[in-house]
Every structure is written in C-alpha cells, then in structure tokens.
Amino acid sequence: MQVLWYQRAFSRMRAPAHRRTMGLLMGRRRRQGFTLVELMITLAVAVVLIMIAVPSFRAITLSSKLTTTANDMVASLNLARMEAIKRNANTQFCSDLAANNTGGSSDTLGNRCGAQAGAVVAMTGTSTTEVRAATVGLSTPLRLNGNIVAIRYGGQGLGRLIGSTTPYSGTVADICTSVVSSNNHRVISMVAGSIIQTTTTTGACP
C-alpha cells in the first residue's frame, strides 16, 4: 500500500512538467507558420522587386537583339566582299528598298535583290546566285532608321554605291528600337569601301 501511494504521488508530481513540455512544443509549432501580415509584406516586397527587374531585363534583351541583328548584317557585308574576291565577279549586299538595288531594268544583279534586306547575291557568268538570304531579326520592336544602302563589290573587294566608281564611305544601315530610350541604335558604317564599323548611339527611333 505504501509503495502504491508513492507511485501515485510521483505521477502527480510529473504531470505538470509533462503538460508544460507539451505546451512549449505546441507553441513552437504555432510560431513556425506565417501570419497574414508577414505574408502580405513578403508579397509586397516581391512585387516591387519584379517591377524593378522586368524593365531592366527587357532592356538587356533588346540590346542583345539589336547587337545580334547588326552583327548578322555585318557578316553579310563581309561575305559579299569575300565572294567578290573569290569569284572575281560582282556581288551585292542588298537594300530593303528595291529601287536602291538596281541601276535599271537591265541590271541583272540588282534586280535579283528585290527588297531582301541584307541579302547577298552574286554574278555567276551571266546569271545570278543568292549567296545569303535576307537578314533575320528586322522585325518589331526593331526597325530601320531610313533605308539600307545597297553596296556592290567588284573583284578587288571594294564596295561602291550602285553606278559609282568611288569606294563608299558612310552609313550603310541604322537599326533601332523605340522601346528603350538609351543605347537604342546600332549604326553600321563603311570606310573606304572595305572597313566596316558598328557604333552604339542614342536617339529617337521613328
């Protein structure tokens, strides 16, 4: 009987401590969740970060697209020059405007260009061959500021305007976008009929 009394007394002494332990565990579980206020603050911060990041990401994407399109056009100019030297024949880097590509109805090479912006065509005997298709990437939101200048290369690899005998120096193409307001132009120019340069500028894009 005395042993049983001690067991009951010991059980009564342990019970409060056990309840306290359970209470602490339940409290910790409650504290592991988020309150509505904390969730709203987190969402507000996320929205602000997205609003800041999205315009920057779009500007980077457009800048990369501008550069890629300009590089594609420069590659076409270089290809036209190399093909002229290799074939020892006339080649042409085509304008986007058909009237700029030809010196008349009998101009077989220029007429082959049509209005294929950035395409490269070459003379093969008395016929023409398309060496490279039109430049990919000239679509919204990118556009041309003005028209592409048609460049015709002779067997010596010097580029000239249609009907001219003087090596060309000047702007070949200006690719731009109005979606961003800075560094939004890629201007491709030629010096002395052979040196090609690309510069980045800022300005209005019509």
C-alpha atoms as a PDB file:
ATOM      1  CA  MET A   1       0.000   0.000   0.000  1.00  0.00           C
ATOM      2  CA  GLN A   2       2.792   2.388   0.851  1.00  0.00           C
ATOM      3  CA  VAL A   3       4.513   1.655  -2.461  1.00  0.00           C
ATOM      4  CA  LEU A   4       1.288   2.349  -4.367  1.00  0.00           C
ATOM      5  CA  TRP A   5       0.888   5.672  -2.551  1.00  0.00           C
ATOM      6  CA  TYR A   6       4.398   6.740  -3.543  1.00  0.00           C
ATOM      7  CA  GLN A   7       3.729   5.831  -7.221  1.00  0.00           C
ATOM      8  CA  ARG A   8       0.548   7.940  -7.259  1.00  0.00           C
ATOM      9  CA  ALA A   9       2.316  10.863  -5.614  1.00  0.00           C
ATOM     10  CA  PHE A  10       5.195  10.642  -8.090  1.00  0.00           C
ATOM     11  CA  SER A  11       2.726  10.589 -11.006  1.00  0.00           C
ATOM     12  CA  ARG A  12       1.043  13.750  -9.695  1.00  0.00           C
ATOM     13  CA  MET A  13       4.467  15.487  -9.450  1.00  0.00           C
ATOM     14  CA  ARG A  14       5.392  14.588 -13.043  1.00  0.00           C
ATOM     15  CA  ALA A  15       2.118  15.554 -14.684  1.00  0.00           C
ATOM     16  CA  PRO A  16       2.554  19.365 -14.598  1.00  0.00           C
ATOM     17  CA  ALA A  17       6.060  19.155 -16.109  1.00  0.00           C
ATOM     18  CA  HIS A  18       4.745  16.966 -18.906  1.00  0.00           C
ATOM     19  CA  ARG A  19       1.954  19.418 -19.646  1.00  0.00           C
ATOM     20  CA  ARG A  20       4.464  22.295 -19.706  1.00  0.00           C
ATOM     21  CA  THR A  21       6.624  20.420 -22.206  1.00  0.00           C
ATOM     22  CA  MET A  22       3.616  19.775 -24.459  1.00  0.00           C
ATOM     23  CA  GLY A  23       2.663  23.418 -24.204  1.00  0.00           C
ATOM     24  CA  LEU A  24       6.140  24.523 -25.308  1.00  0.00           C
ATOM     25  CA  LEU A  25       6.060  22.148 -28.276  1.00  0.00           C
ATOM     26  CA  MET A  26       2.647  23.401 -29.334  1.00  0.00           C
ATOM     27  CA  GLY A  27       3.871  26.985 -29.036  1.00  0.00           C
ATOM     28  CA  ARG A  28       6.875  26.261 -31.236  1.00  0.00           C
ATOM     29  CA  ARG A  29       4.624  24.710 -33.840  1.00  0.00           C
ATOM     30  CA  ARG A  30       2.422  27.774 -33.841  1.00  0.00           C
ATOM     31  CA  ARG A  31       5.447  30.062 -34.250  1.00  0.00           C
ATOM     32  CA  GLN A  32       6.726  28.106 -37.283  1.00  0.00           C
ATOM     33  CA  GLY A  33       3.865  29.396 -39.528  1.00  0.00           C
ATOM     34  CA  PHE A  34       3.393  32.831 -41.163  1.00  0.00           C
ATOM     35  CA  THR A  35       0.898  35.391 -40.079  1.00  0.00           C
ATOM     36  CA  LEU A  36      -1.254  37.163 -42.653  1.00  0.00           C
ATOM     37  CA  VAL A  37       0.673  40.409 -42.096  1.00  0.00           C
ATOM     38  CA  GLU A  38       4.013  38.696 -42.735  1.00  0.00           C
ATOM     39  CA  LEU A  39       2.657  37.098 -45.912  1.00  0.00           C
ATOM     40  CA  MET A  40       1.337  40.446 -47.200  1.00  0.00           C
ATOM     41  CA  ILE A  41       4.695  42.152 -46.550  1.00  0.00           C
ATOM     42  CA  THR A  42       6.534  39.369 -48.401  1.00  0.00           C
ATOM     43  CA  LEU A  43       4.213  39.677 -51.395  1.00  0.00           C
ATOM     44  CA  ALA A  44       4.594  43.471 -51.457  1.00  0.00           C
ATOM     45  CA  VAL A  45       8.401  43.182 -51.498  1.00  0.00           C
ATOM     46  CA  ALA A  46       8.230  40.577 -54.285  1.00  0.00           C
ATOM     47  CA  VAL A  47       6.013  42.842 -56.416  1.00  0.00           C
ATOM     48  CA  VAL A  48       8.405  45.785 -56.001  1.00  0.00           C
ATOM     49  CA  LEU A  49      11.391  43.635 -56.995  1.00  0.00           C
ATOM     50  CA  ILE A  50       9.569  42.348 -60.078  1.00  0.00           C
ATOM     51  CA  MET A  51       8.629  45.890 -61.134  1.00  0.00           C
ATOM     52  CA  ILE A  52      12.282  46.891 -60.910  1.00  0.00           C
ATOM     53  CA  ALA A  53      13.689  43.777 -62.585  1.00  0.00           C
ATOM     54  CA  VAL A  54      11.339  43.379 -65.583  1.00  0.00           C
ATOM     55  CA  PRO A  55      12.209  46.693 -67.364  1.00  0.00           C
ATOM     56  CA  SER A  56      15.925  46.066 -66.841  1.00  0.00           C
ATOM     57  CA  PHE A  57      15.632  42.550 -68.204  1.00  0.00           C
ATOM     58  CA  ARG A  58      13.719  43.778 -71.257  1.00  0.00           C
ATOM     59  CA  ALA A  59      16.342  46.461 -71.934  1.00  0.00           C
ATOM     60  CA  ILE A  60      19.101  43.844 -71.789  1.00  0.00           C
ATOM     61  CA  THR A  61      17.141  41.536 -74.114  1.00  0.00           C
ATOM     62  CA  LEU A  62      16.538  44.291 -76.681  1.00  0.00           C
ATOM     63  CA  SER A  63      20.150  45.424 -76.540  1.00  0.00           C
ATOM     64  CA  SER A  64      21.253  41.869 -77.259  1.00  0.00           C
ATOM     65  CA  LYS A  65      18.781  41.586 -80.150  1.00  0.00           C
ATOM     66  CA  LEU A  66      19.993  44.876 -81.648  1.00  0.00           C
ATOM     67  CA  THR A  67      23.596  43.734 -81.474  1.00  0.00           C
ATOM     68  CA  THR A  68      22.793  40.304 -82.924  1.00  0.00           C
ATOM     69  CA  THR A  69      20.902  41.800 -85.874  1.00  0.00           C
ATOM     70  CA  ALA A  70      23.682  44.314 -86.557  1.00  0.00           C
ATOM     71  CA  ASN A  71      26.302  41.545 -86.409  1.00  0.00           C
ATOM     72  CA  ASP A  72      24.251  39.488 -88.866  1.00  0.00           C
ATOM     73  CA  MET A  73      24.227  42.411 -91.291  1.00  0.00           C
ATOM     74  CA  VAL A  74      27.970  42.958 -90.885  1.00  0.00           C
ATOM     75  CA  ALA A  75      28.509  39.252 -91.607  1.00  0.00           C
ATOM     76  CA  SER A  76      26.533  39.674 -94.848  1.00  0.00           C
ATOM     77  CA  LEU A  77      28.706  42.633 -95.891  1.00  0.00           C
ATOM     78  CA  ASN A  78      31.872  40.662 -95.209  1.00  0.00           C
ATOM     79  CA  LEU A  79      30.519  37.661 -97.099  1.00  0.00           C
ATOM     80  CA  ALA A  80      29.657  39.818-100.115  1.00  0.00           C
ATOM     81  CA  ARG A  81      33.207  41.172-100.166  1.00  0.00           C
ATOM     82  CA  MET A  82      34.834  37.738 -99.830  1.00  0.00           C
ATOM     83  CA  GLU A  83      32.625  36.221-102.537  1.00  0.00           C
ATOM     84  CA  ALA A  84      33.509  39.054-104.938  1.00  0.00           C
ATOM     85  CA  ILE A  85      37.217  38.421-104.416  1.00  0.00           C
ATOM     86  CA  LYS A  86      36.857  34.634-104.623  1.00  0.00           C
ATOM     87  CA  ARG A  87      34.714  34.712-107.768  1.00  0.00           C
ATOM     88  CA  ASN A  88      36.486  37.754-109.276  1.00  0.00           C
ATOM     89  CA  ALA A  89      32.977  38.943-110.082  1.00  0.00           C
ATOM     90  CA  ASN A  90      30.414  41.435-108.876  1.00  0.00           C
ATOM     91  CA  THR A  91      28.399  40.751-105.742  1.00  0.00           C
ATOM     92  CA  GLN A  92      25.843  42.873-103.972  1.00  0.00           C
ATOM     93  CA  PHE A  93      24.714  43.495-100.421  1.00  0.00           C
ATOM     94  CA  CYS A  94      21.010  44.236-100.875  1.00  0.00           C
ATOM     95  CA  SER A  95      18.919  47.142 -99.644  1.00  0.00           C
ATOM     96  CA  ASP A  96      15.434  46.789 -98.203  1.00  0.00           C
ATOM     97  CA  LEU A  97      14.187  49.124-100.956  1.00  0.00           C
ATOM     98  CA  ALA A  98      14.096  47.588-104.441  1.00  0.00           C
ATOM     99  CA  ALA A  99      14.734  50.932-106.138  1.00  0.00           C
ATOM    100  CA  ASN A 100      18.049  51.268-104.280  1.00  0.00           C
ATOM    101  CA  ASN A 101      19.288  47.909-105.528  1.00  0.00           C
ATOM    102  CA  THR A 102      19.247  48.423-109.258  1.00  0.00           C
ATOM    103  CA  GLY A 103      20.674  50.743-111.849  1.00  0.00           C
ATOM    104  CA  GLY A 104      17.917  49.951-114.328  1.00  0.00           C
ATOM    105  CA  SER A 105      15.863  47.185-115.884  1.00  0.00           C
ATOM    106  CA  SER A 106      18.980  45.630-117.431  1.00  0.00           C
ATOM    107  CA  ASP A 107      20.771  45.421-114.064  1.00  0.00           C
ATOM    108  CA  THR A 108      20.535  41.665-113.569  1.00  0.00           C
ATOM    109  CA  LEU A 109      22.414  41.609-110.257  1.00  0.00           C
ATOM    110  CA  GLY A 110      20.472  44.453-108.666  1.00  0.00           C
ATOM    111  CA  ASN A 111      17.125  43.155-109.837  1.00  0.00           C
ATOM    112  CA  ARG A 112      17.854  39.801-108.223  1.00  0.00           C
ATOM    113  CA  CYS A 113      17.941  41.548-104.829  1.00  0.00           C
ATOM    114  CA  GLY A 114      14.326  42.640-104.954  1.00  0.00           C
ATOM    115  CA  ALA A 115      13.662  44.064-101.476  1.00  0.00           C
ATOM    116  CA  GLN A 116      15.535  41.451 -99.477  1.00  0.00           C
ATOM    117  CA  ALA A 117      17.171  43.492 -96.716  1.00  0.00           C
ATOM    118  CA  GLY A 118      20.724  42.315 -96.079  1.00  0.00           C
ATOM    119  CA  ALA A 119      20.687  39.507 -98.653  1.00  0.00           C
ATOM    120  CA  VAL A 120      23.820  38.779-100.694  1.00  0.00           C
ATOM    121  CA  VAL A 121      23.666  37.955-104.403  1.00  0.00           C
ATOM    122  CA  ALA A 122      26.493  37.216-106.821  1.00  0.00           C
ATOM    123  CA  MET A 123      27.070  37.025-110.550  1.00  0.00           C
ATOM    124  CA  THR A 124      27.816  33.561-111.895  1.00  0.00           C
ATOM    125  CA  GLY A 125      28.666  34.037-115.548  1.00  0.00           C
ATOM    126  CA  THR A 126      25.600  35.745-116.989  1.00  0.00           C
ATOM    127  CA  SER A 127      23.230  34.552-114.254  1.00  0.00           C
ATOM    128  CA  THR A 128      22.871  35.424-110.578  1.00  0.00           C
ATOM    129  CA  THR A 129      23.061  33.358-107.411  1.00  0.00           C
ATOM    130  CA  GLU A 130      21.729  34.108-103.948  1.00  0.00           C
ATOM    131  CA  VAL A 131      24.663  33.560-101.611  1.00  0.00           C
ATOM    132  CA  ARG A 132      22.894  34.541 -98.401  1.00  0.00           C
ATOM    133  CA  ALA A 133      19.252  35.139 -97.536  1.00  0.00           C
ATOM    134  CA  ALA A 134      17.839  38.352 -96.066  1.00  0.00           C
ATOM    135  CA  THR A 135      18.847  39.418 -92.562  1.00  0.00           C
ATOM    136  CA  VAL A 136      16.818  37.725 -89.838  1.00  0.00           C
ATOM    137  CA  GLY A 137      15.716  39.847 -86.879  1.00  0.00           C
ATOM    138  CA  LEU A 138      14.487  43.002 -88.636  1.00  0.00           C
ATOM    139  CA  SER A 139      11.031  42.856 -87.088  1.00  0.00           C
ATOM    140  CA  THR A 140       9.113  44.605 -84.308  1.00  0.00           C
ATOM    141  CA  PRO A 141      10.297  46.004 -81.937  1.00  0.00           C
ATOM    142  CA  LEU A 142      13.392  46.544 -84.117  1.00  0.00           C
ATOM    143  CA  ARG A 143      13.200  48.727 -87.207  1.00  0.00           C
ATOM    144  CA  LEU A 144      15.334  50.571 -89.711  1.00  0.00           C
ATOM    145  CA  ASN A 145      16.008  54.267 -89.332  1.00  0.00           C
ATOM    146  CA  GLY A 146      15.923  55.072 -93.040  1.00  0.00           C
ATOM    147  CA  ASN A 147      16.784  52.528 -95.713  1.00  0.00           C
ATOM    148  CA  ILE A 148      19.710  50.164 -96.044  1.00  0.00           C
ATOM    149  CA  VAL A 149      22.322  51.330 -98.536  1.00  0.00           C
ATOM    150  CA  ALA A 150      22.954  48.791-101.305  1.00  0.00           C
ATOM    151  CA  ILE A 151      26.675  48.031-101.651  1.00  0.00           C
ATOM    152  CA  ARG A 152      28.138  46.471-104.791  1.00  0.00           C
ATOM    153  CA  TYR A 153      31.543  44.799-104.609  1.00  0.00           C
ATOM    154  CA  GLY A 154      33.907  44.250-107.527  1.00  0.00           C
ATOM    155  CA  GLY A 155      36.597  41.612-107.934  1.00  0.00           C
ATOM    156  CA  GLN A 156      39.055  43.723-105.919  1.00  0.00           C
ATOM    157  CA  GLY A 157      36.772  43.608-102.885  1.00  0.00           C
ATOM    158  CA  LEU A 158      35.928  47.303-102.727  1.00  0.00           C
ATOM    159  CA  GLY A 159      32.337  48.303-102.045  1.00  0.00           C
ATOM    160  CA  ARG A 160      30.662  51.056-104.050  1.00  0.00           C
ATOM    161  CA  LEU A 161      27.229  52.551-104.491  1.00  0.00           C
ATOM    162  CA  ILE A 162      25.259  51.316-107.497  1.00  0.00           C
ATOM    163  CA  GLY A 163      26.593  53.114-110.588  1.00  0.00           C
ATOM    164  CA  SER A 164      29.551  54.668-108.752  1.00  0.00           C
ATOM    165  CA  THR A 165      33.253  54.023-109.270  1.00  0.00           C
ATOM    166  CA  THR A 166      34.353  55.505-105.937  1.00  0.00           C
ATOM    167  CA  PRO A 167      34.762  53.270-102.844  1.00  0.00           C
ATOM    168  CA  TYR A 168      31.916  54.046-100.455  1.00  0.00           C
ATOM    169  CA  SER A 169      32.338  55.798 -97.120  1.00  0.00           C
ATOM    170  CA  GLY A 170      29.271  56.436 -94.976  1.00  0.00           C
ATOM    171  CA  THR A 171      26.361  54.828 -93.163  1.00  0.00           C
ATOM    172  CA  VAL A 172      25.126  51.506 -94.507  1.00  0.00           C
ATOM    173  CA  ALA A 173      22.284  50.857 -92.053  1.00  0.00           C
ATOM    174  CA  ASP A 174      20.848  52.179 -88.787  1.00  0.00           C
ATOM    175  CA  ILE A 175      18.910  49.620 -86.741  1.00  0.00           C
ATOM    176  CA  CYS A 176      16.966  50.957 -83.759  1.00  0.00           C
ATOM    177  CA  THR A 177      14.118  50.433 -81.305  1.00  0.00           C
ATOM    178  CA  SER A 178      11.798  52.892 -79.569  1.00  0.00           C
ATOM    179  CA  VAL A 179      11.082  50.578 -76.642  1.00  0.00           C
ATOM    180  CA  VAL A 180      14.216  51.738 -74.785  1.00  0.00           C
ATOM    181  CA  SER A 181      15.447  55.328 -74.720  1.00  0.00           C
ATOM    182  CA  SER A 182      19.217  54.919 -74.400  1.00  0.00           C
ATOM    183  CA  ASN A 183      21.785  52.983 -76.462  1.00  0.00           C
ATOM    184  CA  ASN A 184      18.918  52.104 -78.794  1.00  0.00           C
ATOM    185  CA  HIS A 185      20.697  52.446 -82.162  1.00  0.00           C
ATOM    186  CA  ARG A 186      23.264  50.241 -83.895  1.00  0.00           C
ATOM    187  CA  VAL A 187      24.778  52.176 -86.774  1.00  0.00           C
ATOM    188  CA  ILE A 188      26.721  50.180 -89.381  1.00  0.00           C
ATOM    189  CA  SER A 189      29.095  52.245 -91.492  1.00  0.00           C
ATOM    190  CA  MET A 190      31.778  51.659 -94.117  1.00  0.00           C
ATOM    191  CA  VAL A 191      35.108  53.400 -94.650  1.00  0.00           C
ATOM    192  CA  ALA A 192      36.920  53.401 -97.990  1.00  0.00           C
ATOM    193  CA  GLY A 193      34.787  50.606 -99.393  1.00  0.00           C
ATOM    194  CA  SER A 194      36.164  47.902 -97.121  1.00  0.00           C
ATOM    195  CA  ILE A 195      36.349  48.746 -93.401  1.00  0.00           C
ATOM    196  CA  ILE A 196      33.067  48.075 -91.587  1.00  0.00           C
ATOM    197  CA  GLN A 197      32.267  49.612 -88.200  1.00  0.00           C
ATOM    198  CA  THR A 198      29.351  49.295 -85.799  1.00  0.00           C
ATOM    199  CA  THR A 199      28.640  52.029 -83.260  1.00  0.00           C
ATOM    200  CA  THR A 200      26.051  52.289 -80.484  1.00  0.00           C
ATOM    201  CA  THR A 201      24.196  55.585 -80.241  1.00  0.00           C
ATOM    202  CA  THR A 202      21.146  57.067 -78.505  1.00  0.00           C
ATOM    203  CA  GLY A 203      18.326  58.893 -80.241  1.00  0.00           C
ATOM    204  CA  ALA A 204      14.745  58.866 -81.440  1.00  0.00           C
ATOM    205  CA  CYS A 205      13.663  55.812 -83.435  1.00  0.00           C
ATOM    206  CA  PRO A 206      10.893  56.620 -85.932  1.00  0.00           C
END
